[in-house]
């Protein structure tokens, strides 16, 4: 399993399974593996909202982003 992102990295959700983008900043807190061995990331924002996303659904946040 090749990792595209790392734990602790700040990211933004570009598109989710529901079809909309989310412009809040999330932090990657955990790395999981799907049935086909593709990485799934558990991300969390400052409000405590957690989501499971795939690498193609997220992008790195700007260097000036704050969690």
Protein backbone atom coordinates (compact mmCIF):
# COMPACT_ATOMS: atom_id res chain seq x y z
CA UNK A 1 0.00 0.00 0.00
CA UNK A 2 1.59 3.25 -1.16
CA UNK A 3 0.73 6.33 0.87
CA UNK A 4 -0.04 9.59 -0.93
CA UNK A 5 -0.46 11.56 2.31
CA UNK A 6 0.86 11.19 5.84
CA UNK A 7 -0.62 11.31 9.34
CA UNK A 8 -0.76 14.85 10.68
CA UNK A 9 -0.94 16.45 7.24
CA UNK A 10 -3.56 19.16 6.70
CA UNK A 11 -5.85 18.51 3.73
CA UNK A 12 -9.01 19.79 2.06
CA UNK A 13 -11.72 17.63 0.55
CA UNK A 14 -11.98 18.32 -3.18
CA UNK A 15 -14.93 16.01 -3.85
CA UNK A 16 -16.64 13.49 -1.68
CA UNK A 17 -18.80 10.48 -2.37
CA UNK A 18 -21.83 12.74 -1.99
CA UNK A 19 -20.57 14.93 -4.83
CA UNK A 20 -19.74 18.22 -3.13
CA UNK A 21 -16.48 19.83 -2.10
CA UNK A 22 -15.78 20.85 1.47
CA UNK A 23 -13.52 23.85 1.95
CA UNK A 24 -12.80 23.24 5.63
CA UNK A 25 -9.33 22.13 6.67
CA UNK A 26 -8.98 18.59 8.00
CA UNK A 27 -6.08 16.77 9.61
CA UNK A 28 -5.27 13.17 8.72
CA UNK A 29 -5.46 11.20 11.96
CA UNK A 30 -5.39 7.58 10.78
CA UNK A 31 -4.55 5.47 7.75
CA UNK A 32 -6.70 2.44 6.94
CA UNK A 33 -6.77 -0.06 4.09
CA UNK A 34 -9.70 -0.87 1.80
CA UNK A 35 -10.57 -4.37 0.56
CA UNK A 36 -8.53 -3.80 -2.60
CA UNK A 37 -5.55 -2.53 -0.53
CA UNK A 38 -6.12 1.11 -1.49
CA UNK A 39 -5.49 3.63 1.29
CA UNK A 40 -8.39 5.24 3.14
CA UNK A 41 -7.72 8.19 5.40
CA UNK A 42 -9.64 9.16 8.55
CA UNK A 43 -9.64 12.95 8.69
CA UNK A 44 -10.89 15.22 11.45
CA UNK A 45 -11.52 18.96 11.69
CA UNK A 46 -11.43 21.25 14.72
CA UNK A 47 -15.18 20.81 15.31
CA UNK A 48 -14.56 17.10 15.83
CA UNK A 49 -16.20 15.98 12.60
CA UNK A 50 -14.54 12.83 11.26
CA UNK A 51 -14.78 11.45 7.75
CA UNK A 52 -13.30 8.55 5.81
CA UNK A 53 -11.92 9.61 2.43
CA UNK A 54 -9.83 8.16 -0.36
CA UNK A 55 -6.67 9.79 -1.71
CA UNK A 56 -8.41 11.00 -4.88
CA UNK A 57 -10.97 12.92 -2.78
CA UNK A 58 -8.47 15.12 -0.94
CA UNK A 59 -5.68 17.58 -1.72
CA UNK A 60 -2.98 19.09 0.49
CA UNK A 61 -4.06 22.28 2.24
CA UNK A 62 -2.13 25.50 1.68
CA UNK A 63 1.02 25.96 3.71
CA UNK A 64 -0.67 28.86 5.51
CA UNK A 65 -3.70 26.77 6.53
CA UNK A 66 -4.47 26.29 10.19
CA UNK A 67 -6.36 23.31 11.60
